[in-house]
Every structure is written in structure tokens, then in C-alpha cells.
Amino acid sequence: MNPVQTSNLIDGKQTAEDIKVEIAADVATLKAAGQKVPHLAAILVGHDGGSETYVRNKVLACERVGFLSTLLRYEDNITEAELLAKVEELNRDPEIDGFIVQLPLPAHINPEKVIEAIRPEKDVDGFHPMNIGRMVAGLPALLPATPSGIVELLSRQGIKTSGKHCVVIGRSNIVGTPVSILLAKNLDTANCTVTLCHSRTQNLAEICRTADIVVAAIGRPEFVTADMVRPGAVVIDVGTTRVPDASKKSGYTLKGDVNFAEVAPLASAITPVPGGVGPMTIAMLLLNTLRAAKGQIYPKLTR
């Protein structure tokens, strides 16, 4: 196996930083015009390590671009009714332009019920059924952050998608299914022929080897191996799993869904973990918040 060539790395961190610079400039213009600064709120339930990290990074990103941010913390014994009441409070708060409820939630809380309770115009994660439905119909929507981040990353890296075969591994409502829809759209940044695979797919490795672009979003560390990727393919790794590692101060190593050491030498371009898709997710969350604040997708609420 040849050593990994860093020249084929897709730098999601730098691309996300470019987007943040653009957003910060837009916010500065709003301030100069005396208009309201976008305000993003986040609800964090419990003390999941991954969720703590993600929310902290989102708060820092808000500071970076000049947004206001509010973090609301609750213990994991909060009742579903109490959480839904807080969601409704944020729905009605004219100062909050968008908000997220960080997943996963404790087992006694139905995440679908919480997602549906968020008003679509404040759903900056892009998970509400109305936003998903508008996306499918080709109408303006607040798009799911990670899927739209993947499309944006491919576009800004100059990776040709039109006419290419993309294999998406994983059919979750958060990444796999929406990214398959976005990449199949009749748009300059898409126009792929998409095959959506999952745990029941037969001959998965064979199908993956036909792909020009592989999006791995199955949630299994190092699932995609060299025998599943044809030379020259573009590989987008969405996975972020904490794998125990006693040699690390943190006690864990972050692994993607792709066996990077095996696959990177084959790929024409590949996202690392961390530093690939993750930063793009946060950048697109900020972009959704800016769009919500400007009323670009839905009319602004008046009270």
C-alpha cells in the first residue's frame, strides 16, 4: 500500500472558514445598516460528550461570525412535556431567529415529536418535515446542514458531479436520504445518478466500486475499506465515532466510516476525520440562521 498523499485531502475546515468569512461580512453589513444581528439558540439535554463538543463549536462559530447565541442546558431527567414547552417558547420569541435541539435525546423523549414541534422557519437544522418536503419538491427550504454541507464542499472544491455516479451508504433522515436527494437534483451542483445503499443492500462492495463519488454515512467506524473503492473515486466520510483509545488523553480516537489508511491512497479526493464534513455542517447551520434572520425562505414573523 502506498503512503497517504495529503495532496488529495479535501479541507473542510478551510472551506468552512471561507463560508464563515462571507457570513461575517454579511453580518457586518446588517450591523452597519442598523438591522438586527442573527440570533441562534441551542438546547442541550444531558451530558453526552459528542453533543457537548458539537454545541461548544457551534457557540464559538456564532462568535466568529458576529451572531448572538444562547445555550440552554437541561439535565437528562427533563420531561418531554417540559422540553416541548421550551421549544414552543423559542418558537414564539421574536429575538430568536433559529434554534436547534441537539441530538441524541434521552430515551424517554421522542425526537420526532420534538423536531415536528419546531417551527419550520426557525428549523435551522433543516430536519422539520416541511423543510424536507420543500427540499424534495425543489422549493426554497432550510436544507439539512450536513447534506447541504457535503454538496457545498464538492462544489467549492471544483469536483464535477454532473453525470457522475454517486453511491450513498446509509439511509438516515439526517444525512443519507437527504444527501441522495440533493445530489440527484437538476442543479449545476448536483445532477448525479445516485444509488442509495444501506445495511440490507446485497453486493454492497461491488456497487460501491462502480461509484465516481462515495458518501459514507452509515455510522460504523472504518466500514468502507479499499476493496469497496475504485481508484480515482472521490470519498466523502460523514462518520464520527468515538473509539476507545487508552493512548489518548481523552481516552478515545475519532474514527470515520472510512478506513482512511486503506482508502486514501486510492481516492482522487477524500475528506479526513476530523476536519472534513464536520466543519461544513456548522458552517451551513450558520448560513441557515442567516437566511432565517433575513426571511429569505419564509416570511419573517411579526408580533
C-alpha atoms as a PDB file:
ATOM      1  CA  MET A   1       0.000   0.000   0.000  1.00  0.00           C
ATOM      2  CA  ASN A   2       1.302   3.410  -0.978  1.00  0.00           C
ATOM      3  CA  PRO A   3       1.638   6.058   1.723  1.00  0.00           C
ATOM      4  CA  VAL A   4      -1.245   8.523   2.042  1.00  0.00           C
ATOM      5  CA  GLN A   5      -0.821  11.555  -0.199  1.00  0.00           C
ATOM      6  CA  THR A   6      -2.027  14.672   1.583  1.00  0.00           C
ATOM      7  CA  SER A   7      -2.474  16.435  -1.767  1.00  0.00           C
ATOM      8  CA  ASN A   8      -5.805  14.633  -2.227  1.00  0.00           C
ATOM      9  CA  LEU A   9      -7.279  15.785   1.092  1.00  0.00           C
ATOM     10  CA  ILE A  10     -10.472  17.844   0.922  1.00  0.00           C
ATOM     11  CA  ASP A  11     -10.012  20.559   3.532  1.00  0.00           C
ATOM     12  CA  GLY A  12     -13.472  21.014   5.005  1.00  0.00           C
ATOM     13  CA  LYS A  13     -12.088  23.168   7.783  1.00  0.00           C
ATOM     14  CA  GLN A  14     -10.697  25.767   5.372  1.00  0.00           C
ATOM     15  CA  THR A  15     -13.797  25.679   3.173  1.00  0.00           C
ATOM     16  CA  ALA A  16     -15.988  26.212   6.231  1.00  0.00           C
ATOM     17  CA  GLU A  17     -13.754  29.105   7.275  1.00  0.00           C
ATOM     18  CA  ASP A  18     -14.245  30.694   3.840  1.00  0.00           C
ATOM     19  CA  ILE A  19     -18.014  30.478   4.311  1.00  0.00           C
ATOM     20  CA  LYS A  20     -17.752  31.997   7.792  1.00  0.00           C
ATOM     21  CA  VAL A  21     -15.784  34.936   6.372  1.00  0.00           C
ATOM     22  CA  GLU A  22     -18.597  35.521   3.866  1.00  0.00           C
ATOM     23  CA  ILE A  23     -21.242  35.303   6.605  1.00  0.00           C
ATOM     24  CA  ALA A  24     -19.274  37.649   8.892  1.00  0.00           C
ATOM     25  CA  ALA A  25     -19.115  40.229   6.098  1.00  0.00           C
ATOM     26  CA  ASP A  26     -22.886  39.943   5.633  1.00  0.00           C
ATOM     27  CA  VAL A  27     -23.463  40.386   9.373  1.00  0.00           C
ATOM     28  CA  ALA A  28     -21.219  43.460   9.380  1.00  0.00           C
ATOM     29  CA  THR A  29     -23.377  44.926   6.618  1.00  0.00           C
ATOM     30  CA  LEU A  30     -26.530  44.264   8.653  1.00  0.00           C
ATOM     31  CA  LYS A  31     -24.980  45.975  11.678  1.00  0.00           C
ATOM     32  CA  ALA A  32     -23.881  48.966   9.626  1.00  0.00           C
ATOM     33  CA  ALA A  33     -27.437  49.338   8.348  1.00  0.00           C
ATOM     34  CA  GLY A  34     -28.784  49.235  11.912  1.00  0.00           C
ATOM     35  CA  GLN A  35     -30.532  45.929  11.359  1.00  0.00           C
ATOM     36  CA  LYS A  36     -30.910  43.064  13.804  1.00  0.00           C
ATOM     37  CA  VAL A  37     -27.968  40.679  14.234  1.00  0.00           C
ATOM     38  CA  PRO A  38     -28.911  36.989  13.700  1.00  0.00           C
ATOM     39  CA  HIS A  39     -29.529  35.093  16.933  1.00  0.00           C
ATOM     40  CA  LEU A  40     -29.085  31.309  17.179  1.00  0.00           C
ATOM     41  CA  ALA A  41     -30.192  29.301  20.220  1.00  0.00           C
ATOM     42  CA  ALA A  42     -29.267  25.725  21.091  1.00  0.00           C
ATOM     43  CA  ILE A  43     -30.896  23.329  23.539  1.00  0.00           C
ATOM     44  CA  LEU A  44     -28.581  20.730  25.051  1.00  0.00           C
ATOM     45  CA  VAL A  45     -30.070  17.939  27.147  1.00  0.00           C
ATOM     46  CA  GLY A  46     -27.773  15.840  29.323  1.00  0.00           C
ATOM     47  CA  HIS A  47     -24.002  15.493  29.154  1.00  0.00           C
ATOM     48  CA  ASP A  48     -23.226  13.411  26.059  1.00  0.00           C
ATOM     49  CA  GLY A  49     -19.553  14.046  25.238  1.00  0.00           C
ATOM     50  CA  GLY A  50     -20.055  14.335  21.498  1.00  0.00           C
ATOM     51  CA  SER A  51     -23.030  16.671  21.896  1.00  0.00           C
ATOM     52  CA  GLU A  52     -21.083  18.860  24.327  1.00  0.00           C
ATOM     53  CA  THR A  53     -18.300  19.235  21.749  1.00  0.00           C
ATOM     54  CA  TYR A  54     -20.655  19.946  18.857  1.00  0.00           C
ATOM     55  CA  VAL A  55     -22.633  22.580  20.751  1.00  0.00           C
ATOM     56  CA  ARG A  56     -19.478  24.282  22.049  1.00  0.00           C
ATOM     57  CA  ASN A  57     -18.170  24.504  18.477  1.00  0.00           C
ATOM     58  CA  LYS A  58     -21.466  25.990  17.324  1.00  0.00           C
ATOM     59  CA  VAL A  59     -21.342  28.663  20.018  1.00  0.00           C
ATOM     60  CA  LEU A  60     -17.752  29.535  19.075  1.00  0.00           C
ATOM     61  CA  ALA A  61     -18.750  29.690  15.405  1.00  0.00           C
ATOM     62  CA  CYS A  62     -21.518  32.161  16.259  1.00  0.00           C
ATOM     63  CA  GLU A  63     -18.984  34.403  17.975  1.00  0.00           C
ATOM     64  CA  ARG A  64     -16.690  34.083  14.958  1.00  0.00           C
ATOM     65  CA  VAL A  65     -19.281  35.471  12.519  1.00  0.00           C
ATOM     66  CA  GLY A  66     -20.860  38.036  14.833  1.00  0.00           C
ATOM     67  CA  PHE A  67     -24.107  36.218  15.672  1.00  0.00           C
ATOM     68  CA  LEU A  68     -25.763  36.344  19.043  1.00  0.00           C
ATOM     69  CA  SER A  69     -26.041  32.904  20.616  1.00  0.00           C
ATOM     70  CA  THR A  70     -27.924  31.386  23.527  1.00  0.00           C
ATOM     71  CA  LEU A  71     -27.177  27.976  25.034  1.00  0.00           C
ATOM     72  CA  LEU A  72     -29.929  26.386  27.117  1.00  0.00           C
ATOM     73  CA  ARG A  73     -28.778  23.398  29.198  1.00  0.00           C
ATOM     74  CA  TYR A  74     -31.029  20.827  30.827  1.00  0.00           C
ATOM     75  CA  GLU A  75     -30.375  17.639  32.764  1.00  0.00           C
ATOM     76  CA  ASP A  76     -31.323  14.360  31.108  1.00  0.00           C
ATOM     77  CA  ASN A  77     -34.261  13.956  33.516  1.00  0.00           C
ATOM     78  CA  ILE A  78     -36.178  16.801  31.854  1.00  0.00           C
ATOM     79  CA  THR A  79     -39.600  15.554  30.803  1.00  0.00           C
ATOM     80  CA  GLU A  80     -40.757  15.503  27.203  1.00  0.00           C
ATOM     81  CA  ALA A  81     -43.525  17.969  28.086  1.00  0.00           C
ATOM     82  CA  GLU A  82     -41.025  20.376  29.651  1.00  0.00           C
ATOM     83  CA  LEU A  83     -38.769  20.219  26.598  1.00  0.00           C
ATOM     84  CA  LEU A  84     -41.696  20.764  24.223  1.00  0.00           C
ATOM     85  CA  ALA A  85     -42.754  23.772  26.290  1.00  0.00           C
ATOM     86  CA  LYS A  86     -39.252  25.263  25.913  1.00  0.00           C
ATOM     87  CA  VAL A  87     -39.376  24.624  22.158  1.00  0.00           C
ATOM     88  CA  GLU A  88     -42.680  26.498  21.957  1.00  0.00           C
ATOM     89  CA  GLU A  89     -41.199  29.367  23.980  1.00  0.00           C
ATOM     90  CA  LEU A  90     -38.356  29.698  21.459  1.00  0.00           C
ATOM     91  CA  ASN A  91     -40.852  29.434  18.592  1.00  0.00           C
ATOM     92  CA  ARG A  92     -42.644  32.491  19.965  1.00  0.00           C
ATOM     93  CA  ASP A  93     -39.561  34.523  20.848  1.00  0.00           C
ATOM     94  CA  PRO A  94     -39.069  37.191  18.144  1.00  0.00           C
ATOM     95  CA  GLU A  95     -35.462  37.696  19.254  1.00  0.00           C
ATOM     96  CA  ILE A  96     -34.519  34.118  18.260  1.00  0.00           C
ATOM     97  CA  ASP A  97     -34.100  33.698  14.508  1.00  0.00           C
ATOM     98  CA  GLY A  98     -33.320  29.992  14.598  1.00  0.00           C
ATOM     99  CA  PHE A  99     -32.658  27.225  17.073  1.00  0.00           C
ATOM    100  CA  ILE A 100     -31.600  23.626  17.338  1.00  0.00           C
ATOM    101  CA  VAL A 101     -32.288  20.819  19.778  1.00  0.00           C
ATOM    102  CA  GLN A 102     -29.073  18.813  19.906  1.00  0.00           C
ATOM    103  CA  LEU A 103     -29.495  15.107  19.192  1.00  0.00           C
ATOM    104  CA  PRO A 104     -29.407  12.459  20.548  1.00  0.00           C
ATOM    105  CA  LEU A 105     -32.002  12.999  23.246  1.00  0.00           C
ATOM    106  CA  PRO A 106     -32.614  10.772  26.287  1.00  0.00           C
ATOM    107  CA  ALA A 107     -34.574   7.598  25.548  1.00  0.00           C
ATOM    108  CA  HIS A 108     -37.782   8.855  27.202  1.00  0.00           C
ATOM    109  CA  ILE A 109     -38.065  11.783  24.751  1.00  0.00           C
ATOM    110  CA  ASN A 110     -39.390  11.204  21.229  1.00  0.00           C
ATOM    111  CA  PRO A 111     -37.008  13.089  18.888  1.00  0.00           C
ATOM    112  CA  GLU A 112     -39.536  13.131  16.028  1.00  0.00           C
ATOM    113  CA  LYS A 113     -42.087  14.853  18.253  1.00  0.00           C
ATOM    114  CA  VAL A 114     -39.509  17.478  19.232  1.00  0.00           C
ATOM    115  CA  ILE A 115     -38.404  18.069  15.632  1.00  0.00           C
ATOM    116  CA  GLU A 116     -42.009  18.482  14.469  1.00  0.00           C
ATOM    117  CA  ALA A 117     -42.649  20.980  17.275  1.00  0.00           C
ATOM    118  CA  ILE A 118     -40.007  23.397  15.917  1.00  0.00           C
ATOM    119  CA  ARG A 119     -41.488  25.997  13.585  1.00  0.00           C
ATOM    120  CA  PRO A 120     -40.162  25.390  10.047  1.00  0.00           C
ATOM    121  CA  GLU A 121     -38.956  28.990   9.714  1.00  0.00           C
ATOM    122  CA  LYS A 122     -36.725  28.538  12.792  1.00  0.00           C
ATOM    123  CA  ASP A 123     -35.631  24.988  11.959  1.00  0.00           C
ATOM    124  CA  VAL A 124     -32.031  25.803  11.084  1.00  0.00           C
ATOM    125  CA  ASP A 125     -31.009  22.135  11.331  1.00  0.00           C
ATOM    126  CA  GLY A 126     -33.351  21.530   8.384  1.00  0.00           C
ATOM    127  CA  PHE A 127     -34.987  18.458   9.946  1.00  0.00           C
ATOM    128  CA  HIS A 128     -38.649  19.534  10.032  1.00  0.00           C
ATOM    129  CA  PRO A 129     -40.912  17.558   7.643  1.00  0.00           C
ATOM    130  CA  MET A 130     -41.960  20.792   5.929  1.00  0.00           C
ATOM    131  CA  ASN A 131     -38.369  21.708   5.117  1.00  0.00           C
ATOM    132  CA  ILE A 132     -37.643  18.145   3.966  1.00  0.00           C
ATOM    133  CA  GLY A 133     -40.789  18.148   1.840  1.00  0.00           C
ATOM    134  CA  ARG A 134     -39.958  21.507   0.265  1.00  0.00           C
ATOM    135  CA  MET A 135     -36.446  20.226  -0.476  1.00  0.00           C
ATOM    136  CA  VAL A 136     -37.866  17.162  -2.244  1.00  0.00           C
ATOM    137  CA  ALA A 137     -40.285  19.346  -4.222  1.00  0.00           C
ATOM    138  CA  GLY A 138     -37.499  21.707  -5.266  1.00  0.00           C
ATOM    139  CA  LEU A 139     -38.943  24.653  -3.319  1.00  0.00           C
ATOM    140  CA  PRO A 140     -36.862  27.055  -1.223  1.00  0.00           C
ATOM    141  CA  ALA A 141     -36.161  25.465   2.160  1.00  0.00           C
ATOM    142  CA  LEU A 142     -33.845  25.486   5.131  1.00  0.00           C
ATOM    143  CA  LEU A 143     -31.799  22.495   3.998  1.00  0.00           C
ATOM    144  CA  PRO A 144     -30.381  19.828   6.325  1.00  0.00           C
ATOM    145  CA  ALA A 145     -26.990  21.140   7.398  1.00  0.00           C
ATOM    146  CA  THR A 146     -24.756  18.102   6.827  1.00  0.00           C
ATOM    147  CA  PRO A 147     -26.201  17.081   3.419  1.00  0.00           C
ATOM    148  CA  SER A 148     -26.115  20.646   2.093  1.00  0.00           C
ATOM    149  CA  GLY A 149     -22.600  20.981   3.515  1.00  0.00           C
ATOM    150  CA  ILE A 150     -21.488  17.953   1.503  1.00  0.00           C
ATOM    151  CA  VAL A 151     -22.914  19.412  -1.705  1.00  0.00           C
ATOM    152  CA  GLU A 152     -21.313  22.783  -0.980  1.00  0.00           C
ATOM    153  CA  LEU A 153     -17.973  21.148  -0.229  1.00  0.00           C
ATOM    154  CA  LEU A 154     -17.965  19.258  -3.531  1.00  0.00           C
ATOM    155  CA  SER A 155     -18.908  22.431  -5.389  1.00  0.00           C
ATOM    156  CA  ARG A 156     -16.282  24.655  -3.769  1.00  0.00           C
ATOM    157  CA  GLN A 157     -13.598  22.024  -4.322  1.00  0.00           C
ATOM    158  CA  GLY A 158     -14.403  22.063  -8.042  1.00  0.00           C
ATOM    159  CA  ILE A 159     -15.346  18.377  -8.059  1.00  0.00           C
ATOM    160  CA  LYS A 160     -17.514  17.574 -11.056  1.00  0.00           C
ATOM    161  CA  THR A 161     -20.820  15.962 -10.101  1.00  0.00           C
ATOM    162  CA  SER A 162     -22.939  16.249 -13.247  1.00  0.00           C
ATOM    163  CA  GLY A 163     -23.430  12.852 -14.823  1.00  0.00           C
ATOM    164  CA  LYS A 164     -21.363  11.103 -12.163  1.00  0.00           C
ATOM    165  CA  HIS A 165     -22.456   8.007 -10.274  1.00  0.00           C
ATOM    166  CA  CYS A 166     -22.709   8.647  -6.538  1.00  0.00           C
ATOM    167  CA  VAL A 167     -23.163   5.817  -4.050  1.00  0.00           C
ATOM    168  CA  VAL A 168     -24.510   6.897  -0.660  1.00  0.00           C
ATOM    169  CA  ILE A 169     -24.041   4.345   2.125  1.00  0.00           C
ATOM    170  CA  GLY A 170     -26.628   4.913   4.852  1.00  0.00           C
ATOM    171  CA  ARG A 171     -30.277   5.953   4.625  1.00  0.00           C
ATOM    172  CA  SER A 172     -30.807   8.064   7.752  1.00  0.00           C
ATOM    173  CA  ASN A 173     -33.204  11.001   7.598  1.00  0.00           C
ATOM    174  CA  ILE A 174     -30.413  13.260   8.841  1.00  0.00           C
ATOM    175  CA  VAL A 175     -27.743  12.540   6.206  1.00  0.00           C
ATOM    176  CA  GLY A 176     -28.104   9.598   3.821  1.00  0.00           C
ATOM    177  CA  THR A 177     -31.579  10.111   2.410  1.00  0.00           C
ATOM    178  CA  PRO A 178     -31.447  13.928   2.071  1.00  0.00           C
ATOM    179  CA  VAL A 179     -27.962  13.960   0.522  1.00  0.00           C
ATOM    180  CA  SER A 180     -29.108  11.382  -2.036  1.00  0.00           C
ATOM    181  CA  ILE A 181     -31.979  13.711  -2.955  1.00  0.00           C
ATOM    182  CA  LEU A 182     -29.813  16.826  -3.157  1.00  0.00           C
ATOM    183  CA  LEU A 183     -27.156  15.159  -5.333  1.00  0.00           C
ATOM    184  CA  ALA A 184     -29.803  13.917  -7.776  1.00  0.00           C
ATOM    185  CA  LYS A 185     -31.365  17.378  -8.251  1.00  0.00           C
ATOM    186  CA  ASN A 186     -31.273  19.053 -11.643  1.00  0.00           C
ATOM    187  CA  LEU A 187     -28.787  21.663 -10.460  1.00  0.00           C
ATOM    188  CA  ASP A 188     -25.280  22.671 -11.506  1.00  0.00           C
ATOM    189  CA  THR A 189     -24.011  21.474  -8.109  1.00  0.00           C
ATOM    190  CA  ALA A 190     -25.689  18.063  -8.444  1.00  0.00           C
ATOM    191  CA  ASN A 191     -27.054  16.109 -11.450  1.00  0.00           C
ATOM    192  CA  CYS A 192     -25.614  12.844 -10.130  1.00  0.00           C
ATOM    193  CA  THR A 193     -27.039   9.402 -10.757  1.00  0.00           C
ATOM    194  CA  VAL A 194     -27.475   8.263  -7.161  1.00  0.00           C
ATOM    195  CA  THR A 195     -27.590   4.786  -5.661  1.00  0.00           C
ATOM    196  CA  LEU A 196     -28.724   4.752  -2.024  1.00  0.00           C
ATOM    197  CA  CYS A 197     -27.378   1.730  -0.151  1.00  0.00           C
ATOM    198  CA  HIS A 198     -27.947   0.502   3.375  1.00  0.00           C
ATOM    199  CA  SER A 199     -27.485  -2.470   5.715  1.00  0.00           C
ATOM    200  CA  ARG A 200     -29.750  -4.732   3.623  1.00  0.00           C
ATOM    201  CA  THR A 201     -28.100  -3.930   0.293  1.00  0.00           C
ATOM    202  CA  GLN A 202     -26.744  -7.014  -1.458  1.00  0.00           C
ATOM    203  CA  ASN A 203     -23.356  -6.895  -3.196  1.00  0.00           C
ATOM    204  CA  LEU A 204     -22.557  -3.602  -1.466  1.00  0.00           C
ATOM    205  CA  ALA A 205     -18.825  -3.676  -2.205  1.00  0.00           C
ATOM    206  CA  GLU A 206     -19.495  -4.376  -5.876  1.00  0.00           C
ATOM    207  CA  ILE A 207     -21.939  -1.466  -6.112  1.00  0.00           C
ATOM    208  CA  CYS A 208     -19.534   0.883  -4.340  1.00  0.00           C
ATOM    209  CA  ARG A 209     -16.769   0.038  -6.794  1.00  0.00           C
ATOM    210  CA  THR A 210     -18.913   1.483  -9.607  1.00  0.00           C
ATOM    211  CA  ALA A 211     -19.070   4.889  -7.913  1.00  0.00           C
ATOM    212  CA  ASP A 212     -17.350   8.071  -9.016  1.00  0.00           C
ATOM    213  CA  ILE A 213     -18.310   9.555  -5.627  1.00  0.00           C
ATOM    214  CA  VAL A 214     -18.803   7.600  -2.398  1.00  0.00           C
ATOM    215  CA  VAL A 215     -20.616   9.211   0.550  1.00  0.00           C
ATOM    216  CA  ALA A 216     -20.140   7.064   3.661  1.00  0.00           C
ATOM    217  CA  ALA A 217     -22.804   7.849   6.272  1.00  0.00           C
ATOM    218  CA  ILE A 218     -23.565   4.502   7.878  1.00  0.00           C
ATOM    219  CA  GLY A 219     -22.261   5.219  11.374  1.00  0.00           C
ATOM    220  CA  ARG A 220     -19.850   2.270  11.557  1.00  0.00           C
ATOM    221  CA  PRO A 221     -16.178   3.128  12.106  1.00  0.00           C
ATOM    222  CA  GLU A 222     -13.864   2.174   9.220  1.00  0.00           C
ATOM    223  CA  PHE A 223     -16.690   0.327   7.437  1.00  0.00           C
ATOM    224  CA  VAL A 224     -15.556   1.357   3.943  1.00  0.00           C
ATOM    225  CA  THR A 225     -12.389  -0.491   3.000  1.00  0.00           C
ATOM    226  CA  ALA A 226     -10.084  -0.490  -0.027  1.00  0.00           C
ATOM    227  CA  ASP A 227     -11.959  -3.307  -1.788  1.00  0.00           C
ATOM    228  CA  MET A 228     -15.081  -1.074  -1.885  1.00  0.00           C
ATOM    229  CA  VAL A 229     -13.498   1.894  -3.691  1.00  0.00           C
ATOM    230  CA  ARG A 230     -12.293   2.100  -7.256  1.00  0.00           C
ATOM    231  CA  PRO A 231      -9.083   4.037  -7.961  1.00  0.00           C
ATOM    232  CA  GLY A 232      -9.777   7.696  -8.660  1.00  0.00           C
ATOM    233  CA  ALA A 233     -13.074   7.905  -6.761  1.00  0.00           C
ATOM    234  CA  VAL A 234     -13.990  10.854  -4.558  1.00  0.00           C
ATOM    235  CA  VAL A 235     -14.724   9.749  -0.984  1.00  0.00           C
ATOM    236  CA  ILE A 236     -16.787  11.789   1.471  1.00  0.00           C
ATOM    237  CA  ASP A 237     -16.629  10.444   5.029  1.00  0.00           C
ATOM    238  CA  VAL A 238     -19.518  11.595   7.231  1.00  0.00           C
ATOM    239  CA  GLY A 239     -18.791   9.297  10.178  1.00  0.00           C
ATOM    240  CA  THR A 240     -17.651  10.493  13.598  1.00  0.00           C
ATOM    241  CA  THR A 241     -17.492   7.645  16.109  1.00  0.00           C
ATOM    242  CA  ARG A 242     -15.564   7.797  19.373  1.00  0.00           C
ATOM    243  CA  VAL A 243     -13.487   4.613  19.587  1.00  0.00           C
ATOM    244  CA  PRO A 244     -11.813   3.826  22.951  1.00  0.00           C
ATOM    245  CA  ASP A 245      -8.055   4.520  22.848  1.00  0.00           C
ATOM    246  CA  ALA A 246      -6.067   4.275  26.067  1.00  0.00           C
ATOM    247  CA  SER A 247      -3.088   6.006  24.433  1.00  0.00           C
ATOM    248  CA  LYS A 248      -5.059   9.258  24.109  1.00  0.00           C
ATOM    249  CA  LYS A 249      -5.523  11.748  26.930  1.00  0.00           C
ATOM    250  CA  SER A 250      -9.206  11.940  26.027  1.00  0.00           C
ATOM    251  CA  GLY A 251      -9.500   8.152  26.186  1.00  0.00           C
ATOM    252  CA  TYR A 252     -10.808   7.895  22.643  1.00  0.00           C
ATOM    253  CA  THR A 253      -9.920   8.328  18.977  1.00  0.00           C
ATOM    254  CA  LEU A 254     -12.371   9.826  16.488  1.00  0.00           C
ATOM    255  CA  LYS A 255     -12.931   7.450  13.574  1.00  0.00           C
ATOM    256  CA  GLY A 256     -14.807   7.986  10.352  1.00  0.00           C
ATOM    257  CA  ASP A 257     -16.861   5.481   8.389  1.00  0.00           C
ATOM    258  CA  VAL A 258     -13.920   5.044   6.004  1.00  0.00           C
ATOM    259  CA  ASN A 259     -10.712   3.148   6.706  1.00  0.00           C
ATOM    260  CA  PHE A 260      -8.629   6.186   5.841  1.00  0.00           C
ATOM    261  CA  ALA A 261      -5.237   4.443   5.718  1.00  0.00           C
ATOM    262  CA  GLU A 262      -6.512   1.932   3.150  1.00  0.00           C
ATOM    263  CA  VAL A 263      -8.760   4.165   1.055  1.00  0.00           C
ATOM    264  CA  ALA A 264      -6.875   7.477   0.871  1.00  0.00           C
ATOM    265  CA  PRO A 265      -4.136   6.164  -1.472  1.00  0.00           C
ATOM    266  CA  LEU A 266      -6.852   5.083  -3.933  1.00  0.00           C
ATOM    267  CA  ALA A 267      -9.007   8.199  -3.842  1.00  0.00           C
ATOM    268  CA  SER A 268      -8.582  11.210  -6.101  1.00  0.00           C
ATOM    269  CA  ALA A 269     -10.009  13.268  -3.237  1.00  0.00           C
ATOM    270  CA  ILE A 270     -11.062  12.354   0.302  1.00  0.00           C
ATOM    271  CA  THR A 271     -12.334  14.097   3.429  1.00  0.00           C
ATOM    272  CA  PRO A 272     -10.414  13.465   6.657  1.00  0.00           C
ATOM    273  CA  VAL A 273     -11.986  12.861  10.064  1.00  0.00           C
ATOM    274  CA  PRO A 274     -11.885  15.245  11.806  1.00  0.00           C
ATOM    275  CA  GLY A 275     -11.606  18.307   9.566  1.00  0.00           C
ATOM    276  CA  GLY A 276     -13.788  17.231   6.673  1.00  0.00           C
ATOM    277  CA  VAL A 277     -17.582  17.223   6.752  1.00  0.00           C
ATOM    278  CA  GLY A 278     -17.935  18.275  10.413  1.00  0.00           C
ATOM    279  CA  PRO A 279     -16.854  21.911   9.993  1.00  0.00           C
ATOM    280  CA  MET A 280     -19.120  22.202   6.941  1.00  0.00           C
ATOM    281  CA  THR A 281     -22.123  21.140   8.984  1.00  0.00           C
ATOM    282  CA  ILE A 282     -21.582  24.048  11.368  1.00  0.00           C
ATOM    283  CA  ALA A 283     -20.975  26.485   8.502  1.00  0.00           C
ATOM    284  CA  MET A 284     -24.267  25.510   6.853  1.00  0.00           C
ATOM    285  CA  LEU A 285     -26.083  25.816  10.181  1.00  0.00           C
ATOM    286  CA  LEU A 286     -24.824  29.402  10.363  1.00  0.00           C
ATOM    287  CA  LEU A 287     -25.885  30.020   6.776  1.00  0.00           C
ATOM    288  CA  ASN A 288     -29.374  28.699   7.535  1.00  0.00           C
ATOM    289  CA  THR A 289     -29.557  31.019  10.545  1.00  0.00           C
ATOM    290  CA  LEU A 290     -28.586  33.993   8.391  1.00  0.00           C
ATOM    291  CA  ARG A 291     -31.242  33.053   5.819  1.00  0.00           C
ATOM    292  CA  ALA A 292     -33.833  32.661   8.570  1.00  0.00           C
ATOM    293  CA  ALA A 293     -32.897  36.038  10.053  1.00  0.00           C
ATOM    294  CA  LYS A 294     -33.291  37.701   6.654  1.00  0.00           C
ATOM    295  CA  GLY A 295     -36.591  35.939   5.921  1.00  0.00           C
ATOM    296  CA  GLN A 296     -35.170  34.524   2.687  1.00  0.00           C
ATOM    297  CA  ILE A 297     -37.083  31.222   2.877  1.00  0.00           C
ATOM    298  CA  TYR A 298     -40.181  32.059   4.926  1.00  0.00           C
ATOM    299  CA  PRO A 299     -41.737  35.469   5.649  1.00  0.00           C
ATOM    300  CA  LYS A 300     -40.476  36.928   8.897  1.00  0.00           C
ATOM    301  CA  LEU A 301     -42.868  36.603  11.819  1.00  0.00           C
ATOM    302  CA  THR A 302     -44.416  39.839  13.027  1.00  0.00           C
ATOM    303  CA  ARG A 303     -45.674  40.256  16.565  1.00  0.00           C
END
